[in-house]
Amino acid sequence: MGILKNYCVDVHWTGNTGSGTGNYKGYERSHSIVVDQKPVIFGSSDPSYRGDPTKYNPEELFIASLSSCHMLWYLHLCAEAGITVIDYTDHAVGTMEETADGGGYFKEVVLKPVVTVSEEKMVGLANDLHQWANKKCFIASSVNFKVLHQPSTQVL
């Protein structure tokens, strides 16, 4: 058996406008996400579900989790392989399908990292390491759909 780790997050609904959830349109979807000794994240639902477009929604945070987990493993693997990464930017896109009953699920997430490395001879290996990073990523290993990659590697 592996090592078990617990992660504690407090989510607090802040959208009670005075009458609770007495009516679907009568409350805000605002909430705060709090982890001890870290800045608060202010969230809401997607604007199409009456959410505040200036706040993060769960779907965005989910995609960000996949993207950042991949990036962190990728950087780790590059460091171990002797690849010097100078810059890394990802434009991740998730596709969610709504179901007839009002629920939904993610069909796929495509990570589109643009990586800058210091040496031309490392470009091939740098591209290959994305697959290894995907296998190591805790978040990608926990989802029931494929996380796809469209990496681009350039040299400084």
N, C-alpha and C. Protein backbone atom coordinates (compact mmCIF):
# COMPACT_ATOMS: atom_id res chain seq x y z
N MET A 1 0.85 -1.18 0.00
CA MET A 1 0.00 0.00 0.00
C MET A 1 0.89 1.25 0.00
N GLY A 2 0.46 2.25 -0.69
CA GLY A 2 1.21 3.50 -0.79
C GLY A 2 1.03 4.39 0.42
N ILE A 3 1.70 5.49 0.38
CA ILE A 3 1.61 6.50 1.44
C ILE A 3 0.32 7.29 1.25
N LEU A 4 -0.45 7.41 2.29
CA LEU A 4 -1.69 8.18 2.23
C LEU A 4 -1.44 9.61 2.68
N LYS A 5 -1.99 10.55 1.94
CA LYS A 5 -1.88 11.97 2.29
C LYS A 5 -3.28 12.56 2.30
N ASN A 6 -3.52 13.45 3.22
CA ASN A 6 -4.80 14.15 3.29
C ASN A 6 -4.59 15.62 2.94
N TYR A 7 -5.53 16.18 2.21
CA TYR A 7 -5.51 17.60 1.86
C TYR A 7 -6.80 18.20 2.39
N CYS A 8 -6.68 19.24 3.18
CA CYS A 8 -7.84 19.85 3.81
C CYS A 8 -8.14 21.21 3.19
N VAL A 9 -9.35 21.36 2.73
CA VAL A 9 -9.82 22.59 2.11
C VAL A 9 -11.18 22.92 2.71
N ASP A 10 -11.38 24.17 3.10
CA ASP A 10 -12.68 24.62 3.59
C ASP A 10 -13.35 25.43 2.49
N VAL A 11 -14.58 25.08 2.17
CA VAL A 11 -15.39 25.83 1.21
C VAL A 11 -16.58 26.38 1.98
N HIS A 12 -16.77 27.69 1.86
CA HIS A 12 -17.86 28.36 2.60
C HIS A 12 -18.73 29.15 1.62
N TRP A 13 -20.00 28.84 1.59
CA TRP A 13 -20.95 29.56 0.74
C TRP A 13 -21.15 30.96 1.31
N THR A 14 -20.97 31.98 0.50
CA THR A 14 -21.11 33.37 0.93
C THR A 14 -22.24 34.08 0.17
N GLY A 15 -23.07 33.30 -0.51
CA GLY A 15 -24.06 33.89 -1.40
C GLY A 15 -25.47 34.01 -0.85
N ASN A 16 -25.66 33.90 0.46
CA ASN A 16 -27.00 34.08 1.03
C ASN A 16 -27.35 35.56 1.02
N THR A 17 -28.32 35.93 0.21
CA THR A 17 -28.72 37.34 0.10
C THR A 17 -29.83 37.72 1.08
N GLY A 18 -30.14 36.81 1.99
CA GLY A 18 -31.14 37.12 3.01
C GLY A 18 -32.23 36.09 3.13
N SER A 19 -32.50 35.33 2.08
CA SER A 19 -33.57 34.34 2.14
C SER A 19 -33.08 32.93 1.82
N GLY A 20 -31.77 32.73 1.91
CA GLY A 20 -31.21 31.40 1.65
C GLY A 20 -31.53 30.93 0.25
N THR A 21 -31.79 29.65 0.13
CA THR A 21 -32.10 29.07 -1.18
C THR A 21 -33.59 28.90 -1.38
N GLY A 22 -34.36 29.81 -0.82
CA GLY A 22 -35.82 29.76 -0.95
C GLY A 22 -36.30 29.83 -2.39
N ASN A 23 -35.47 30.36 -3.27
CA ASN A 23 -35.83 30.45 -4.68
C ASN A 23 -34.54 30.42 -5.50
N TYR A 24 -34.56 29.70 -6.61
CA TYR A 24 -33.36 29.46 -7.41
C TYR A 24 -32.66 30.75 -7.83
N LYS A 25 -33.41 31.77 -8.13
CA LYS A 25 -32.83 33.04 -8.56
C LYS A 25 -32.53 33.98 -7.40
N GLY A 26 -32.86 33.58 -6.19
CA GLY A 26 -32.75 34.47 -5.05
C GLY A 26 -31.46 34.37 -4.25
N TYR A 27 -30.51 33.60 -4.72
CA TYR A 27 -29.24 33.50 -3.99
C TYR A 27 -28.07 33.56 -4.97
N GLU A 28 -26.94 33.97 -4.44
CA GLU A 28 -25.72 34.02 -5.24
C GLU A 28 -24.96 32.71 -5.11
N ARG A 29 -24.16 32.44 -6.08
CA ARG A 29 -23.35 31.21 -6.09
C ARG A 29 -21.96 31.45 -5.51
N SER A 30 -21.74 32.59 -4.93
CA SER A 30 -20.43 32.96 -4.39
C SER A 30 -20.02 32.09 -3.22
N HIS A 31 -18.74 31.81 -3.16
CA HIS A 31 -18.18 31.02 -2.06
C HIS A 31 -16.69 31.33 -1.93
N SER A 32 -16.13 30.94 -0.81
CA SER A 32 -14.70 31.12 -0.61
C SER A 32 -14.06 29.74 -0.40
N ILE A 33 -12.84 29.63 -0.90
CA ILE A 33 -12.06 28.41 -0.75
C ILE A 33 -10.86 28.78 0.11
N VAL A 34 -10.74 28.11 1.24
CA VAL A 34 -9.73 28.50 2.22
C VAL A 34 -8.87 27.30 2.60
N VAL A 35 -7.58 27.53 2.58
CA VAL A 35 -6.61 26.57 3.08
C VAL A 35 -5.76 27.35 4.07
N ASP A 36 -5.52 26.76 5.23
CA ASP A 36 -4.75 27.45 6.28
C ASP A 36 -3.50 28.12 5.74
N GLN A 37 -3.30 29.36 6.12
CA GLN A 37 -2.12 30.17 5.83
C GLN A 37 -1.87 30.40 4.33
N LYS A 38 -2.96 30.39 3.54
CA LYS A 38 -2.87 30.68 2.11
C LYS A 38 -3.93 31.71 1.74
N PRO A 39 -3.71 32.43 0.65
CA PRO A 39 -4.73 33.41 0.23
C PRO A 39 -6.05 32.72 -0.10
N VAL A 40 -7.12 33.41 0.17
CA VAL A 40 -8.46 32.91 -0.11
C VAL A 40 -8.71 32.97 -1.62
N ILE A 41 -9.36 31.94 -2.14
CA ILE A 41 -9.81 31.93 -3.53
C ILE A 41 -11.30 32.20 -3.51
N PHE A 42 -11.73 33.19 -4.27
CA PHE A 42 -13.15 33.51 -4.33
C PHE A 42 -13.75 32.85 -5.56
N GLY A 43 -14.77 32.04 -5.32
CA GLY A 43 -15.37 31.28 -6.40
C GLY A 43 -16.84 31.56 -6.57
N SER A 44 -17.34 31.05 -7.67
CA SER A 44 -18.75 31.13 -8.01
C SER A 44 -19.02 30.01 -9.00
N SER A 45 -20.22 29.95 -9.51
CA SER A 45 -20.49 28.98 -10.57
C SER A 45 -20.22 29.65 -11.92
N ASP A 46 -20.24 28.85 -12.96
CA ASP A 46 -20.12 29.37 -14.32
C ASP A 46 -21.23 30.41 -14.54
N PRO A 47 -20.96 31.47 -15.27
CA PRO A 47 -21.99 32.48 -15.50
C PRO A 47 -23.29 31.94 -16.10
N SER A 48 -23.20 30.85 -16.87
CA SER A 48 -24.43 30.28 -17.44
C SER A 48 -25.30 29.63 -16.38
N TYR A 49 -24.78 29.46 -15.17
CA TYR A 49 -25.56 28.92 -14.04
C TYR A 49 -25.73 29.99 -12.96
N ARG A 50 -25.85 31.23 -13.40
CA ARG A 50 -26.09 32.37 -12.52
C ARG A 50 -24.89 32.74 -11.67
N GLY A 51 -23.69 32.40 -12.15
CA GLY A 51 -22.48 32.68 -11.40
C GLY A 51 -21.88 34.04 -11.73
N ASP A 52 -20.97 34.45 -10.88
CA ASP A 52 -20.26 35.72 -11.02
C ASP A 52 -19.07 35.52 -11.97
N PRO A 53 -19.07 36.16 -13.13
CA PRO A 53 -17.99 35.95 -14.10
C PRO A 53 -16.63 36.48 -13.65
N THR A 54 -16.58 37.25 -12.56
CA THR A 54 -15.30 37.78 -12.08
C THR A 54 -14.62 36.84 -11.09
N LYS A 55 -15.27 35.71 -10.78
CA LYS A 55 -14.71 34.75 -9.83
C LYS A 55 -14.44 33.42 -10.53
N TYR A 56 -13.52 32.67 -9.98
CA TYR A 56 -13.20 31.35 -10.53
C TYR A 56 -14.36 30.40 -10.32
N ASN A 57 -14.61 29.55 -11.32
CA ASN A 57 -15.64 28.53 -11.14
C ASN A 57 -14.96 27.15 -11.01
N PRO A 58 -15.67 26.15 -10.50
CA PRO A 58 -15.06 24.84 -10.26
C PRO A 58 -14.46 24.22 -11.52
N GLU A 59 -15.09 24.45 -12.65
CA GLU A 59 -14.58 23.87 -13.90
C GLU A 59 -13.22 24.45 -14.26
N GLU A 60 -13.06 25.77 -14.09
CA GLU A 60 -11.77 26.41 -14.35
C GLU A 60 -10.70 25.91 -13.38
N LEU A 61 -11.07 25.78 -12.12
CA LEU A 61 -10.11 25.31 -11.12
C LEU A 61 -9.70 23.86 -11.37
N PHE A 62 -10.63 23.07 -11.86
CA PHE A 62 -10.35 21.68 -12.19
C PHE A 62 -9.33 21.59 -13.33
N ILE A 63 -9.55 22.37 -14.38
CA ILE A 63 -8.61 22.39 -15.51
C ILE A 63 -7.26 22.94 -15.06
N ALA A 64 -7.28 23.97 -14.22
CA ALA A 64 -6.03 24.52 -13.69
C ALA A 64 -5.27 23.46 -12.88
N SER A 65 -5.98 22.63 -12.13
CA SER A 65 -5.34 21.57 -11.36
C SER A 65 -4.64 20.57 -12.28
N LEU A 66 -5.31 20.17 -13.35
CA LEU A 66 -4.69 19.26 -14.31
C LEU A 66 -3.45 19.89 -14.95
N SER A 67 -3.58 21.14 -15.36
CA SER A 67 -2.49 21.83 -16.03
C SER A 67 -1.29 22.03 -15.11
N SER A 68 -1.54 22.49 -13.90
CA SER A 68 -0.41 22.78 -13.00
C SER A 68 0.25 21.49 -12.51
N CYS A 69 -0.52 20.43 -12.28
CA CYS A 69 0.06 19.15 -11.87
C CYS A 69 0.97 18.62 -12.98
N HIS A 70 0.48 18.70 -14.22
CA HIS A 70 1.29 18.25 -15.36
C HIS A 70 2.59 19.06 -15.45
N MET A 71 2.45 20.39 -15.35
CA MET A 71 3.63 21.25 -15.45
C MET A 71 4.66 20.91 -14.37
N LEU A 72 4.22 20.73 -13.14
CA LEU A 72 5.16 20.46 -12.05
C LEU A 72 5.89 19.14 -12.25
N TRP A 73 5.16 18.11 -12.70
CA TRP A 73 5.83 16.83 -12.99
C TRP A 73 6.77 16.99 -14.19
N TYR A 74 6.34 17.71 -15.21
CA TYR A 74 7.15 17.90 -16.39
C TYR A 74 8.47 18.60 -16.04
N LEU A 75 8.40 19.66 -15.28
CA LEU A 75 9.61 20.38 -14.87
C LEU A 75 10.54 19.47 -14.07
N HIS A 76 9.96 18.66 -13.20
CA HIS A 76 10.75 17.71 -12.40
C HIS A 76 11.48 16.73 -13.32
N LEU A 77 10.74 16.16 -14.28
CA LEU A 77 11.34 15.19 -15.20
C LEU A 77 12.41 15.83 -16.08
N CYS A 78 12.18 17.06 -16.51
CA CYS A 78 13.19 17.77 -17.31
C CYS A 78 14.46 18.00 -16.49
N ALA A 79 14.31 18.41 -15.25
CA ALA A 79 15.48 18.64 -14.40
C ALA A 79 16.27 17.34 -14.23
N GLU A 80 15.56 16.22 -14.02
CA GLU A 80 16.24 14.93 -13.88
C GLU A 80 16.94 14.51 -15.17
N ALA A 81 16.38 14.88 -16.32
CA ALA A 81 16.92 14.48 -17.62
C ALA A 81 18.00 15.43 -18.13
N GLY A 82 18.28 16.49 -17.38
CA GLY A 82 19.30 17.44 -17.79
C GLY A 82 18.82 18.46 -18.82
N ILE A 83 17.52 18.63 -18.91
CA ILE A 83 16.94 19.62 -19.83
C ILE A 83 16.70 20.90 -19.05
N THR A 84 17.25 22.00 -19.53
CA THR A 84 17.03 23.29 -18.87
C THR A 84 15.84 23.96 -19.53
N VAL A 85 14.75 24.04 -18.78
CA VAL A 85 13.55 24.73 -19.24
C VAL A 85 13.68 26.19 -18.82
N ILE A 86 13.51 27.08 -19.77
CA ILE A 86 13.63 28.52 -19.52
C ILE A 86 12.26 29.14 -19.29
N ASP A 87 11.23 28.60 -19.96
CA ASP A 87 9.88 29.16 -19.84
C ASP A 87 8.87 28.05 -20.13
N TYR A 88 7.70 28.17 -19.50
CA TYR A 88 6.62 27.19 -19.68
C TYR A 88 5.30 27.92 -19.54
N THR A 89 4.47 27.81 -20.56
CA THR A 89 3.13 28.39 -20.53
C THR A 89 2.17 27.37 -21.10
N ASP A 90 1.02 27.21 -20.48
CA ASP A 90 0.03 26.26 -20.99
C ASP A 90 -1.28 26.99 -21.24
N HIS A 91 -1.91 26.66 -22.34
CA HIS A 91 -3.26 27.15 -22.63
C HIS A 91 -4.16 25.92 -22.66
N ALA A 92 -4.63 25.51 -21.49
CA ALA A 92 -5.42 24.29 -21.35
C ALA A 92 -6.88 24.56 -21.69
N VAL A 93 -7.49 23.59 -22.36
CA VAL A 93 -8.89 23.72 -22.76
C VAL A 93 -9.63 22.44 -22.36
N GLY A 94 -10.70 22.60 -21.60
CA GLY A 94 -11.52 21.47 -21.20
C GLY A 94 -12.86 21.52 -21.90
N THR A 95 -13.35 20.35 -22.30
CA THR A 95 -14.67 20.25 -22.94
C THR A 95 -15.58 19.45 -22.03
N MET A 96 -16.66 20.09 -21.62
CA MET A 96 -17.64 19.47 -20.74
C MET A 96 -18.94 19.29 -21.52
N GLU A 97 -19.60 18.18 -21.30
CA GLU A 97 -20.89 17.93 -21.93
C GLU A 97 -21.98 17.93 -20.87
N GLU A 98 -22.99 18.75 -21.08
CA GLU A 98 -24.13 18.75 -20.18
C GLU A 98 -25.07 17.63 -20.58
N THR A 99 -25.66 16.98 -19.60
CA THR A 99 -26.59 15.89 -19.86
C THR A 99 -28.03 16.40 -19.75
N ALA A 100 -28.96 15.61 -20.26
CA ALA A 100 -30.37 16.01 -20.30
C ALA A 100 -30.94 16.25 -18.90
N ASP A 101 -30.38 15.60 -17.88
CA ASP A 101 -30.90 15.76 -16.52
C ASP A 101 -30.31 16.95 -15.79
N GLY A 102 -29.50 17.77 -16.49
CA GLY A 102 -28.91 18.96 -15.88
C GLY A 102 -27.51 18.75 -15.34
N GLY A 103 -27.05 17.50 -15.28
CA GLY A 103 -25.70 17.21 -14.84
C GLY A 103 -24.72 17.37 -16.00
N GLY A 104 -23.58 16.79 -15.86
CA GLY A 104 -22.61 16.85 -16.93
C GLY A 104 -21.30 16.21 -16.54
N TYR A 105 -20.39 16.18 -17.49
CA TYR A 105 -19.08 15.58 -17.25
C TYR A 105 -18.09 16.12 -18.27
N PHE A 106 -16.83 16.06 -17.90
CA PHE A 106 -15.78 16.45 -18.83
C PHE A 106 -15.52 15.29 -19.78
N LYS A 107 -15.48 15.61 -21.05
CA LYS A 107 -15.16 14.63 -22.09
C LYS A 107 -13.67 14.56 -22.33
N GLU A 108 -13.01 15.71 -22.24
CA GLU A 108 -11.57 15.74 -22.43
C GLU A 108 -11.01 17.07 -21.97
N VAL A 109 -9.73 17.03 -21.68
CA VAL A 109 -8.96 18.24 -21.43
C VAL A 109 -7.72 18.14 -22.31
N VAL A 110 -7.44 19.22 -23.02
CA VAL A 110 -6.26 19.27 -23.88
C VAL A 110 -5.30 20.31 -23.30
N LEU A 111 -4.12 19.84 -22.95
CA LEU A 111 -3.07 20.74 -22.48
C LEU A 111 -2.25 21.15 -23.70
N LYS A 112 -1.95 22.44 -23.78
CA LYS A 112 -1.21 22.98 -24.92
C LYS A 112 0.02 23.76 -24.43
N PRO A 113 0.95 23.03 -23.79
CA PRO A 113 2.12 23.73 -23.25
C PRO A 113 3.07 24.22 -24.33
N VAL A 114 3.57 25.42 -24.13
CA VAL A 114 4.64 25.97 -24.96
C VAL A 114 5.85 26.06 -24.05
N VAL A 115 6.86 25.26 -24.38
CA VAL A 115 8.04 25.13 -23.54
C VAL A 115 9.25 25.70 -24.28
N THR A 116 10.03 26.48 -23.56
CA THR A 116 11.28 26.98 -24.11
C THR A 116 12.43 26.30 -23.37
N VAL A 117 13.31 25.66 -24.15
CA VAL A 117 14.48 24.99 -23.58
C VAL A 117 15.75 25.70 -24.05
N SER A 118 16.85 25.41 -23.38
CA SER A 118 18.09 26.13 -23.69
C SER A 118 18.91 25.50 -24.81
N GLU A 119 18.64 24.23 -25.16
CA GLU A 119 19.47 23.57 -26.16
C GLU A 119 18.62 22.85 -27.21
N GLU A 120 18.94 23.04 -28.47
CA GLU A 120 18.24 22.42 -29.59
C GLU A 120 18.23 20.89 -29.49
N LYS A 121 19.34 20.31 -29.05
CA LYS A 121 19.46 18.85 -29.00
C LYS A 121 18.50 18.21 -27.98
N MET A 122 17.89 19.00 -27.13
CA MET A 122 16.98 18.48 -26.10
C MET A 122 15.51 18.54 -26.50
N VAL A 123 15.20 19.10 -27.65
CA VAL A 123 13.80 19.31 -28.05
C VAL A 123 13.03 17.99 -28.12
N GLY A 124 13.60 16.97 -28.75
CA GLY A 124 12.90 15.68 -28.88
C GLY A 124 12.56 15.07 -27.53
N LEU A 125 13.54 15.00 -26.65
CA LEU A 125 13.31 14.46 -25.32
C LEU A 125 12.33 15.33 -24.54
N ALA A 126 12.46 16.63 -24.69
CA ALA A 126 11.54 17.54 -24.00
C ALA A 126 10.10 17.26 -24.42
N ASN A 127 9.86 17.01 -25.69
CA ASN A 127 8.51 16.67 -26.15
C ASN A 127 8.06 15.33 -25.58
N ASP A 128 8.94 14.33 -25.58
CA ASP A 128 8.59 12.99 -25.10
C ASP A 128 8.22 12.99 -23.61
N LEU A 129 8.83 13.85 -22.84
CA LEU A 129 8.59 13.84 -21.39
C LEU A 129 7.17 14.24 -21.01
N HIS A 130 6.42 14.84 -21.92
CA HIS A 130 5.02 15.16 -21.61
C HIS A 130 4.22 13.89 -21.31
N GLN A 131 4.49 12.82 -22.04
CA GLN A 131 3.77 11.56 -21.80
C GLN A 131 4.10 11.00 -20.42
N TRP A 132 5.38 11.09 -20.03
CA TRP A 132 5.76 10.62 -18.71
C TRP A 132 5.14 11.47 -17.61
N ALA A 133 5.11 12.78 -17.83
CA ALA A 133 4.50 13.68 -16.85
C ALA A 133 3.03 13.35 -16.68
N ASN A 134 2.35 13.02 -17.77
CA ASN A 134 0.93 12.66 -17.69
C ASN A 134 0.73 11.40 -16.84
N LYS A 135 1.63 10.44 -16.97
CA LYS A 135 1.51 9.20 -16.19
C LYS A 135 1.79 9.44 -14.71
N LYS A 136 2.63 10.42 -14.40
CA LYS A 136 2.99 10.71 -13.01
C LYS A 136 1.99 11.64 -12.31
N CYS A 137 1.30 12.46 -13.07
CA CYS A 137 0.41 13.48 -12.49
C CYS A 137 -0.71 12.85 -11.67
N PHE A 138 -0.79 13.23 -10.42
CA PHE A 138 -1.81 12.68 -9.52
C PHE A 138 -3.22 13.00 -10.00
N ILE A 139 -3.41 14.20 -10.52
CA ILE A 139 -4.75 14.62 -10.94
C ILE A 139 -5.16 13.88 -12.21
N ALA A 140 -4.26 13.84 -13.21
CA ALA A 140 -4.58 13.15 -14.46
C ALA A 140 -4.83 11.66 -14.21
N SER A 141 -4.14 11.08 -13.25
CA SER A 141 -4.34 9.67 -12.92
C SER A 141 -5.66 9.40 -12.21
N SER A 142 -6.32 10.45 -11.79
CA SER A 142 -7.55 10.32 -11.02
C SER A 142 -8.82 10.58 -11.82
N VAL A 143 -8.69 10.99 -13.06
CA VAL A 143 -9.88 11.32 -13.86
C VAL A 143 -10.26 10.14 -14.76
N ASN A 144 -11.51 10.12 -15.20
CA ASN A 144 -12.01 9.01 -16.01
C ASN A 144 -12.05 9.35 -17.50
N PHE A 145 -11.23 10.27 -17.93
CA PHE A 145 -11.13 10.62 -19.34
C PHE A 145 -9.65 10.89 -19.65
N LYS A 146 -9.31 10.88 -20.93
CA LYS A 146 -7.92 11.13 -21.31
C LYS A 146 -7.59 12.61 -21.22
N VAL A 147 -6.41 12.87 -20.76
CA VAL A 147 -5.86 14.23 -20.80
C VAL A 147 -4.90 14.22 -21.98
N LEU A 148 -5.23 15.01 -22.99
CA LEU A 148 -4.46 15.04 -24.22
C LEU A 148 -3.43 16.16 -24.18
N HIS A 149 -2.41 16.04 -25.03
CA HIS A 149 -1.32 17.02 -25.04
C HIS A 149 -1.02 17.46 -26.47
N GLN A 150 -0.86 18.74 -26.64
CA GLN A 150 -0.41 19.32 -27.90
C GLN A 150 0.74 20.26 -27.57
N PRO A 151 1.91 19.67 -27.23
CA PRO A 151 3.04 20.51 -26.80
C PRO A 151 3.76 21.15 -27.98
N SER A 152 4.39 22.24 -27.67
CA SER A 152 5.26 22.94 -28.62
C SER A 152 6.53 23.28 -27.84
N THR A 153 7.66 22.93 -28.43
CA THR A 153 8.93 23.21 -27.76
C THR A 153 9.77 24.10 -28.66
N GLN A 154 10.32 25.13 -28.09
CA GLN A 154 11.18 26.05 -28.81
C GLN A 154 12.48 26.23 -28.06
N VAL A 155 13.47 26.79 -28.75
CA VAL A 155 14.79 26.98 -28.16
C VAL A 155 15.03 28.46 -27.97
N LEU A 156 15.59 28.79 -26.82
CA LEU A 156 15.90 30.19 -26.50
C LEU A 156 16.97 30.71 -27.41
